[in-house]
Amino acid sequence: MKGVILAGGLGSRLQPLTKITNKHLLPIYDKPMIYYPIQTLVDAGINDILIVTGGNNAGDFLRLLGNGKEFGLKEIRYTYQEGEGGIAEALNLAHNFAGDDSIVVILGDNLIEKGIKHAVDSFQKQGTGAKILLKEVDDPERFGVPIIDGDKIVKIEEKPKNPQSNYAITGIYMYDNSVFEIIKTLKPSDRGELEITDVNNAYIEKGSMTYDHIEGWWTDAGTFESLHHASNLVAEKRDAPVTS
């Protein structure tokens, strides 16, 4: 499997901080934000990684990360998204990189307490289709929300006013290589973007979507509040006593 980190966009909700740098290069406690999704992939055994970036400061990723030696990698690859065409459009830039392989996709502002290796291993055994990771939250109306029937997701609703579950779709997705054929069929939403929810619903309609749960905490870091919250969570984790 290969890993794709989506770190484009203009970070408008974090201005003026993002006037001078990409959102994903802002600090989360003692490390740049982009370090966390890279480490999540490496810890899951994924060493072939592409970063999709954008904006006016894309070159800063190369200056910061180089070829990924700090993470034990031989190489990190990069590609550039022009403008803000949505998550699915950004993912489509990974088509040549993915080739015939399956991929794990992480939004660059998503941080988790524990790893995803159990989910990656499960998806590799699954072989085809897709898998998404869920987390129970207090405010599901802010996220994509799964409608679950038994052990299957039957639909995903994007930011519903009346959520039918308390689970959020986190920014971690696993797809076989048919995802790129699905993206070709998408039409822009009212926001003018290609939506990842439409990709996931396409897999659901084919009956090839599974899900797993994230263990420990999960947060994004796309607002001032969540940026601060993420730093606090990481600090608490680092300062927590080690138990045997």
C-alpha atoms as a PDB file:
ATOM      1  CA  MET A   1       0.000   0.000   0.000  1.00  0.00           C
ATOM      2  CA  LYS A   2       0.975   3.596  -0.551  1.00  0.00           C
ATOM      3  CA  GLY A   3       0.223   6.680   1.510  1.00  0.00           C
ATOM      4  CA  VAL A   4      -1.175  10.029   0.385  1.00  0.00           C
ATOM      5  CA  ILE A   5      -1.242  13.118   2.614  1.00  0.00           C
ATOM      6  CA  LEU A   6      -3.505  15.925   1.417  1.00  0.00           C
ATOM      7  CA  ALA A   7      -1.923  19.190   2.521  1.00  0.00           C
ATOM      8  CA  GLY A   8      -3.158  21.746   0.009  1.00  0.00           C
ATOM      9  CA  GLY A   9      -5.734  24.503   0.380  1.00  0.00           C
ATOM     10  CA  LEU A  10      -5.297  28.102   1.438  1.00  0.00           C
ATOM     11  CA  GLY A  11      -6.009  27.750   5.160  1.00  0.00           C
ATOM     12  CA  SER A  12      -8.330  30.755   5.107  1.00  0.00           C
ATOM     13  CA  ARG A  13      -9.808  29.936   8.525  1.00  0.00           C
ATOM     14  CA  LEU A  14      -6.355  30.358  10.065  1.00  0.00           C
ATOM     15  CA  GLN A  15      -5.464  33.760   8.645  1.00  0.00           C
ATOM     16  CA  PRO A  16      -3.347  35.786   9.331  1.00  0.00           C
ATOM     17  CA  LEU A  17      -1.126  32.822  10.291  1.00  0.00           C
ATOM     18  CA  THR A  18      -1.491  31.306   6.840  1.00  0.00           C
ATOM     19  CA  LYS A  19      -0.602  34.510   5.002  1.00  0.00           C
ATOM     20  CA  ILE A  20       3.048  33.557   5.373  1.00  0.00           C
ATOM     21  CA  THR A  21       3.000  29.761   5.395  1.00  0.00           C
ATOM     22  CA  ASN A  22       0.941  26.703   4.555  1.00  0.00           C
ATOM     23  CA  LYS A  23      -1.469  25.629   7.320  1.00  0.00           C
ATOM     24  CA  HIS A  24       0.139  22.209   7.534  1.00  0.00           C
ATOM     25  CA  LEU A  25       3.493  23.735   8.477  1.00  0.00           C
ATOM     26  CA  LEU A  26       2.116  25.488  11.564  1.00  0.00           C
ATOM     27  CA  PRO A  27       3.308  24.079  14.902  1.00  0.00           C
ATOM     28  CA  ILE A  28       1.357  21.535  16.900  1.00  0.00           C
ATOM     29  CA  TYR A  29       3.115  21.684  20.256  1.00  0.00           C
ATOM     30  CA  ASP A  30       6.749  20.923  19.382  1.00  0.00           C
ATOM     31  CA  LYS A  31       6.509  19.784  15.753  1.00  0.00           C
ATOM     32  CA  PRO A  32       5.098  21.051  12.459  1.00  0.00           C
ATOM     33  CA  MET A  33       1.588  19.759  11.775  1.00  0.00           C
ATOM     34  CA  ILE A  34       2.682  17.741   8.722  1.00  0.00           C
ATOM     35  CA  TYR A  35       4.943  15.571  10.898  1.00  0.00           C
ATOM     36  CA  TYR A  36       1.978  13.875  12.550  1.00  0.00           C
ATOM     37  CA  PRO A  37       0.266  12.327   9.486  1.00  0.00           C
ATOM     38  CA  ILE A  38       3.659  11.276   8.111  1.00  0.00           C
ATOM     39  CA  GLN A  39       4.451   9.471  11.358  1.00  0.00           C
ATOM     40  CA  THR A  40       0.989   7.885  11.375  1.00  0.00           C
ATOM     41  CA  LEU A  41       1.681   6.335   7.967  1.00  0.00           C
ATOM     42  CA  VAL A  42       5.213   5.241   8.845  1.00  0.00           C
ATOM     43  CA  ASP A  43       3.999   3.627  12.072  1.00  0.00           C
ATOM     44  CA  ALA A  44       1.445   1.689  10.007  1.00  0.00           C
ATOM     45  CA  GLY A  45       4.234   0.277   7.851  1.00  0.00           C
ATOM     46  CA  ILE A  46       3.687   2.582   4.856  1.00  0.00           C
ATOM     47  CA  ASN A  47       6.950   3.965   3.496  1.00  0.00           C
ATOM     48  CA  ASP A  48       5.959   5.098  -0.001  1.00  0.00           C
ATOM     49  CA  ILE A  49       4.366   8.512   0.606  1.00  0.00           C
ATOM     50  CA  LEU A  50       3.102  11.356  -1.572  1.00  0.00           C
ATOM     51  CA  ILE A  51       2.295  14.825  -0.206  1.00  0.00           C
ATOM     52  CA  VAL A  52      -0.246  16.844  -2.186  1.00  0.00           C
ATOM     53  CA  THR A  53       0.321  20.488  -1.385  1.00  0.00           C
ATOM     54  CA  GLY A  54      -0.645  23.875  -2.802  1.00  0.00           C
ATOM     55  CA  GLY A  55      -0.721  27.618  -2.198  1.00  0.00           C
ATOM     56  CA  ASN A  56       2.185  30.041  -2.271  1.00  0.00           C
ATOM     57  CA  ASN A  57       4.446  28.210   0.142  1.00  0.00           C
ATOM     58  CA  ALA A  58       4.578  24.709  -1.325  1.00  0.00           C
ATOM     59  CA  GLY A  59       8.369  24.831  -1.579  1.00  0.00           C
ATOM     60  CA  ASP A  60       8.595  25.058   2.210  1.00  0.00           C
ATOM     61  CA  PHE A  61       7.590  21.382   2.462  1.00  0.00           C
ATOM     62  CA  LEU A  62      10.671  20.353   0.518  1.00  0.00           C
ATOM     63  CA  ARG A  63      12.899  22.604   2.617  1.00  0.00           C
ATOM     64  CA  LEU A  64      11.448  21.168   5.812  1.00  0.00           C
ATOM     65  CA  LEU A  65      11.092  17.493   4.947  1.00  0.00           C
ATOM     66  CA  GLY A  66      13.556  16.812   2.164  1.00  0.00           C
ATOM     67  CA  ASN A  67      13.347  13.120   1.297  1.00  0.00           C
ATOM     68  CA  GLY A  68      12.021  12.134   4.712  1.00  0.00           C
ATOM     69  CA  LYS A  69      15.289  10.932   6.275  1.00  0.00           C
ATOM     70  CA  GLU A  70      14.057  12.079   9.690  1.00  0.00           C
ATOM     71  CA  PHE A  71      11.241   9.518   9.427  1.00  0.00           C
ATOM     72  CA  GLY A  72      13.455   6.709   8.177  1.00  0.00           C
ATOM     73  CA  LEU A  73      12.250   7.141   4.599  1.00  0.00           C
ATOM     74  CA  LYS A  74      14.339   6.959   1.439  1.00  0.00           C
ATOM     75  CA  GLU A  75      12.058   9.352  -0.404  1.00  0.00           C
ATOM     76  CA  ILE A  76       8.974  11.536  -0.086  1.00  0.00           C
ATOM     77  CA  ARG A  77       7.223  12.533  -3.269  1.00  0.00           C
ATOM     78  CA  TYR A  78       5.351  15.769  -3.830  1.00  0.00           C
ATOM     79  CA  THR A  79       2.706  17.115  -6.183  1.00  0.00           C
ATOM     80  CA  TYR A  80       0.907  20.442  -6.446  1.00  0.00           C
ATOM     81  CA  GLN A  81      -2.813  21.285  -6.357  1.00  0.00           C
ATOM     82  CA  GLU A  82      -3.781  24.536  -8.017  1.00  0.00           C
ATOM     83  CA  GLY A  83      -6.565  26.381  -6.200  1.00  0.00           C
ATOM     84  CA  GLU A  84      -9.126  24.684  -3.971  1.00  0.00           C
ATOM     85  CA  GLY A  85     -11.021  22.089  -5.973  1.00  0.00           C
ATOM     86  CA  GLY A  86     -11.901  19.825  -3.096  1.00  0.00           C
ATOM     87  CA  ILE A  87     -10.454  16.774  -1.398  1.00  0.00           C
ATOM     88  CA  ALA A  88     -11.392  14.413  -4.220  1.00  0.00           C
ATOM     89  CA  GLU A  89      -9.703  16.643  -6.793  1.00  0.00           C
ATOM     90  CA  ALA A  90      -6.556  16.720  -4.667  1.00  0.00           C
ATOM     91  CA  LEU A  91      -6.654  12.950  -4.329  1.00  0.00           C
ATOM     92  CA  ASN A  92      -6.914  12.564  -8.099  1.00  0.00           C
ATOM     93  CA  LEU A  93      -3.433  14.088  -8.383  1.00  0.00           C
ATOM     94  CA  ALA A  94      -2.127  10.875  -6.791  1.00  0.00           C
ATOM     95  CA  HIS A  95      -3.320   8.715  -9.707  1.00  0.00           C
ATOM     96  CA  ASN A  96       0.083   8.151 -11.329  1.00  0.00           C
ATOM     97  CA  PHE A  97       1.744   7.746  -7.938  1.00  0.00           C
ATOM     98  CA  ALA A  98      -0.715   5.059  -6.834  1.00  0.00           C
ATOM     99  CA  GLY A  99      -0.481   3.009 -10.004  1.00  0.00           C
ATOM    100  CA  ASP A 100      -2.163  -0.340  -9.372  1.00  0.00           C
ATOM    101  CA  ASP A 101      -1.747  -0.144  -5.594  1.00  0.00           C
ATOM    102  CA  SER A 102      -4.269   0.597  -2.880  1.00  0.00           C
ATOM    103  CA  ILE A 103      -3.795   3.800  -0.900  1.00  0.00           C
ATOM    104  CA  VAL A 104      -4.233   5.199   2.580  1.00  0.00           C
ATOM    105  CA  VAL A 105      -5.272   8.853   2.469  1.00  0.00           C
ATOM    106  CA  ILE A 106      -4.880  11.224   5.423  1.00  0.00           C
ATOM    107  CA  LEU A 107      -5.910  14.854   5.565  1.00  0.00           C
ATOM    108  CA  GLY A 108      -2.831  16.783   6.607  1.00  0.00           C
ATOM    109  CA  ASP A 109      -4.519  18.490   9.552  1.00  0.00           C
ATOM    110  CA  ASN A 110      -5.742  15.265  11.208  1.00  0.00           C
ATOM    111  CA  LEU A 111      -4.034  14.041  14.365  1.00  0.00           C
ATOM    112  CA  ILE A 112      -4.698  10.846  16.306  1.00  0.00           C
ATOM    113  CA  GLU A 113      -3.499   9.557  19.634  1.00  0.00           C
ATOM    114  CA  LYS A 114      -2.903   5.986  18.570  1.00  0.00           C
ATOM    115  CA  GLY A 115      -2.021   4.258  15.340  1.00  0.00           C
ATOM    116  CA  ILE A 116      -4.005   2.916  12.392  1.00  0.00           C
ATOM    117  CA  LYS A 117      -1.983  -0.239  11.725  1.00  0.00           C
ATOM    118  CA  HIS A 118      -4.865  -2.475  12.801  1.00  0.00           C
ATOM    119  CA  ALA A 119      -7.136  -0.804  10.242  1.00  0.00           C
ATOM    120  CA  VAL A 120      -4.493  -0.877   7.492  1.00  0.00           C
ATOM    121  CA  ASP A 121      -3.879  -4.583   8.089  1.00  0.00           C
ATOM    122  CA  SER A 122      -7.630  -5.223   8.002  1.00  0.00           C
ATOM    123  CA  PHE A 123      -7.994  -3.362   4.720  1.00  0.00           C
ATOM    124  CA  GLN A 124      -5.129  -5.273   3.145  1.00  0.00           C
ATOM    125  CA  LYS A 125      -6.926  -8.519   4.035  1.00  0.00           C
ATOM    126  CA  GLN A 126     -10.125  -7.025   2.590  1.00  0.00           C
ATOM    127  CA  GLY A 127      -8.287  -6.648  -0.715  1.00  0.00           C
ATOM    128  CA  THR A 128     -10.695  -4.419  -2.636  1.00  0.00           C
ATOM    129  CA  GLY A 129     -13.167  -1.616  -2.018  1.00  0.00           C
ATOM    130  CA  ALA A 130     -12.735   1.030   0.648  1.00  0.00           C
ATOM    131  CA  LYS A 131     -12.520   1.511   4.387  1.00  0.00           C
ATOM    132  CA  ILE A 132     -13.183   4.645   6.432  1.00  0.00           C
ATOM    133  CA  LEU A 133     -12.372   5.359  10.056  1.00  0.00           C
ATOM    134  CA  LEU A 134     -15.010   6.659  12.462  1.00  0.00           C
ATOM    135  CA  LYS A 135     -14.866   8.451  15.792  1.00  0.00           C
ATOM    136  CA  GLU A 136     -17.720   9.149  18.191  1.00  0.00           C
ATOM    137  CA  VAL A 137     -18.047  12.905  18.779  1.00  0.00           C
ATOM    138  CA  ASP A 138     -20.255  15.364  20.653  1.00  0.00           C
ATOM    139  CA  ASP A 139     -20.962  17.509  17.582  1.00  0.00           C
ATOM    140  CA  PRO A 140     -21.450  15.189  14.595  1.00  0.00           C
ATOM    141  CA  GLU A 141     -23.326  17.897  12.675  1.00  0.00           C
ATOM    142  CA  ARG A 142     -19.933  19.471  11.911  1.00  0.00           C
ATOM    143  CA  PHE A 143     -18.767  16.434   9.947  1.00  0.00           C
ATOM    144  CA  GLY A 144     -19.717  13.791   7.458  1.00  0.00           C
ATOM    145  CA  VAL A 145     -21.936  11.393   9.412  1.00  0.00           C
ATOM    146  CA  PRO A 146     -22.502   7.710   8.603  1.00  0.00           C
ATOM    147  CA  ILE A 147     -25.945   6.108   8.653  1.00  0.00           C
ATOM    148  CA  ILE A 148     -25.269   2.625  10.009  1.00  0.00           C
ATOM    149  CA  ASP A 149     -27.550  -0.383   9.621  1.00  0.00           C
ATOM    150  CA  GLY A 150     -26.247  -3.390  11.496  1.00  0.00           C
ATOM    151  CA  ASP A 151     -22.586  -3.692  10.592  1.00  0.00           C
ATOM    152  CA  LYS A 152     -22.838  -1.724   7.340  1.00  0.00           C
ATOM    153  CA  ILE A 153     -22.792   1.933   6.419  1.00  0.00           C
ATOM    154  CA  VAL A 154     -25.721   2.587   4.101  1.00  0.00           C
ATOM    155  CA  LYS A 155     -25.065   6.285   3.434  1.00  0.00           C
ATOM    156  CA  ILE A 156     -22.948   9.249   4.486  1.00  0.00           C
ATOM    157  CA  GLU A 157     -24.589  12.630   5.043  1.00  0.00           C
ATOM    158  CA  GLU A 158     -22.426  15.732   4.914  1.00  0.00           C
ATOM    159  CA  LYS A 159     -22.899  18.031   7.935  1.00  0.00           C
ATOM    160  CA  PRO A 160     -26.531  17.019   8.575  1.00  0.00           C
ATOM    161  CA  LYS A 161     -28.759  19.228  10.744  1.00  0.00           C
ATOM    162  CA  ASN A 162     -30.187  16.107  12.399  1.00  0.00           C
ATOM    163  CA  PRO A 163     -27.404  13.497  12.501  1.00  0.00           C
ATOM    164  CA  GLN A 164     -28.555   9.882  12.516  1.00  0.00           C
ATOM    165  CA  SER A 165     -25.519   8.750  14.502  1.00  0.00           C
ATOM    166  CA  ASN A 166     -22.929  10.280  16.827  1.00  0.00           C
ATOM    167  CA  TYR A 167     -20.045   9.217  14.626  1.00  0.00           C
ATOM    168  CA  ALA A 168     -17.899  11.471  12.484  1.00  0.00           C
ATOM    169  CA  ILE A 169     -16.093  10.408   9.331  1.00  0.00           C
ATOM    170  CA  THR A 170     -12.487  11.209  10.140  1.00  0.00           C
ATOM    171  CA  GLY A 171     -10.004  12.395   7.544  1.00  0.00           C
ATOM    172  CA  ILE A 172      -8.475   8.943   7.085  1.00  0.00           C
ATOM    173  CA  TYR A 173      -9.598   6.849   4.116  1.00  0.00           C
ATOM    174  CA  MET A 174      -8.427   3.647   2.439  1.00  0.00           C
ATOM    175  CA  TYR A 175      -9.193   2.913  -1.207  1.00  0.00           C
ATOM    176  CA  ASP A 176      -8.373   0.416  -3.902  1.00  0.00           C
ATOM    177  CA  ASN A 177      -7.216   1.882  -7.204  1.00  0.00           C
ATOM    178  CA  SER A 178     -10.762   2.068  -8.609  1.00  0.00           C
ATOM    179  CA  VAL A 179     -11.107   5.303  -6.618  1.00  0.00           C
ATOM    180  CA  PHE A 180      -9.688   7.226  -9.568  1.00  0.00           C
ATOM    181  CA  GLU A 181     -12.371   5.898 -11.909  1.00  0.00           C
ATOM    182  CA  ILE A 182     -14.971   7.010  -9.363  1.00  0.00           C
ATOM    183  CA  ILE A 183     -13.479  10.512  -9.189  1.00  0.00           C
ATOM    184  CA  LYS A 184     -13.818  10.815 -12.970  1.00  0.00           C
ATOM    185  CA  THR A 185     -17.603  10.436 -12.597  1.00  0.00           C
ATOM    186  CA  LEU A 186     -18.025  13.152  -9.959  1.00  0.00           C
ATOM    187  CA  LYS A 187     -19.655  16.512 -10.541  1.00  0.00           C
ATOM    188  CA  PRO A 188     -18.775  19.622  -8.496  1.00  0.00           C
ATOM    189  CA  SER A 189     -20.958  20.284  -5.471  1.00  0.00           C
ATOM    190  CA  ASP A 190     -22.670  23.569  -4.692  1.00  0.00           C
ATOM    191  CA  ARG A 191     -19.315  24.679  -3.302  1.00  0.00           C
ATOM    192  CA  GLY A 192     -17.745  24.075  -6.706  1.00  0.00           C
ATOM    193  CA  GLU A 193     -15.634  21.216  -5.341  1.00  0.00           C
ATOM    194  CA  LEU A 194     -15.310  17.477  -5.895  1.00  0.00           C
ATOM    195  CA  GLU A 195     -16.422  16.020  -2.575  1.00  0.00           C
ATOM    196  CA  ILE A 196     -14.844  13.039  -0.833  1.00  0.00           C
ATOM    197  CA  THR A 197     -18.292  12.184   0.575  1.00  0.00           C
ATOM    198  CA  ASP A 198     -19.438  11.460  -2.990  1.00  0.00           C
ATOM    199  CA  VAL A 199     -16.481   9.109  -3.427  1.00  0.00           C
ATOM    200  CA  ASN A 200     -17.351   7.263  -0.230  1.00  0.00           C
ATOM    201  CA  ASN A 201     -21.031   7.013  -1.132  1.00  0.00           C
ATOM    202  CA  ALA A 202     -20.073   5.518  -4.491  1.00  0.00           C
ATOM    203  CA  TYR A 203     -18.235   2.710  -2.700  1.00  0.00           C
ATOM    204  CA  ILE A 204     -21.223   2.265  -0.385  1.00  0.00           C
ATOM    205  CA  GLU A 205     -23.548   1.917  -3.387  1.00  0.00           C
ATOM    206  CA  LYS A 206     -21.255  -0.805  -4.755  1.00  0.00           C
ATOM    207  CA  GLY A 207     -21.407  -2.617  -1.419  1.00  0.00           C
ATOM    208  CA  SER A 208     -17.640  -2.455  -0.973  1.00  0.00           C
ATOM    209  CA  MET A 209     -17.271  -0.012   1.941  1.00  0.00           C
ATOM    210  CA  THR A 210     -16.212  -1.146   5.406  1.00  0.00           C
ATOM    211  CA  TYR A 211     -15.370   0.840   8.496  1.00  0.00           C
ATOM    212  CA  ASP A 212     -13.284   0.737  11.627  1.00  0.00           C
ATOM    213  CA  HIS A 213     -13.011   2.904  14.740  1.00  0.00           C
ATOM    214  CA  ILE A 214     -10.174   5.168  15.795  1.00  0.00           C
ATOM    215  CA  GLU A 215      -8.774   4.325  19.209  1.00  0.00           C
ATOM    216  CA  GLY A 216      -7.877   7.192  21.558  1.00  0.00           C
ATOM    217  CA  TRP A 217      -8.455  10.812  20.663  1.00  0.00           C
ATOM    218  CA  TRP A 218      -8.769  12.330  17.207  1.00  0.00           C
ATOM    219  CA  THR A 219      -8.877  15.958  16.138  1.00  0.00           C
ATOM    220  CA  ASP A 220      -8.357  18.155  13.145  1.00  0.00           C
ATOM    221  CA  ALA A 221      -6.436  21.427  13.391  1.00  0.00           C
ATOM    222  CA  GLY A 222      -8.094  23.644  10.817  1.00  0.00           C
ATOM    223  CA  THR A 223      -9.379  26.399  13.119  1.00  0.00           C
ATOM    224  CA  PHE A 224      -7.772  28.434  15.887  1.00  0.00           C
ATOM    225  CA  GLU A 225      -9.738  26.461  18.477  1.00  0.00           C
ATOM    226  CA  SER A 226      -8.827  23.039  17.086  1.00  0.00           C
ATOM    227  CA  LEU A 227      -5.201  24.094  16.516  1.00  0.00           C
ATOM    228  CA  HIS A 228      -4.944  25.000  20.190  1.00  0.00           C
ATOM    229  CA  HIS A 229      -6.811  21.854  21.220  1.00  0.00           C
ATOM    230  CA  ALA A 230      -4.511  19.641  19.157  1.00  0.00           C
ATOM    231  CA  SER A 231      -1.426  21.178  20.772  1.00  0.00           C
ATOM    232  CA  ASN A 232      -2.858  20.554  24.223  1.00  0.00           C
ATOM    233  CA  LEU A 233      -3.667  16.924  23.395  1.00  0.00           C
ATOM    234  CA  VAL A 234      -0.159  16.281  22.105  1.00  0.00           C
ATOM    235  CA  ALA A 235       1.395  18.010  25.124  1.00  0.00           C
ATOM    236  CA  GLU A 236      -0.693  15.911  27.525  1.00  0.00           C
ATOM    237  CA  LYS A 237       0.298  12.731  25.684  1.00  0.00           C
ATOM    238  CA  ARG A 238       4.005  13.603  25.821  1.00  0.00           C
ATOM    239  CA  ASP A 239       3.826  14.518  29.519  1.00  0.00           C
ATOM    240  CA  ALA A 240       1.790  11.471  30.531  1.00  0.00           C
ATOM    241  CA  PRO A 241       3.643   9.054  32.811  1.00  0.00           C
ATOM    242  CA  VAL A 242       4.824   5.845  31.219  1.00  0.00           C
ATOM    243  CA  THR A 243       3.044   2.793  32.595  1.00  0.00           C
ATOM    244  CA  SER A 244       4.363  -0.735  32.372  1.00  0.00           C
END
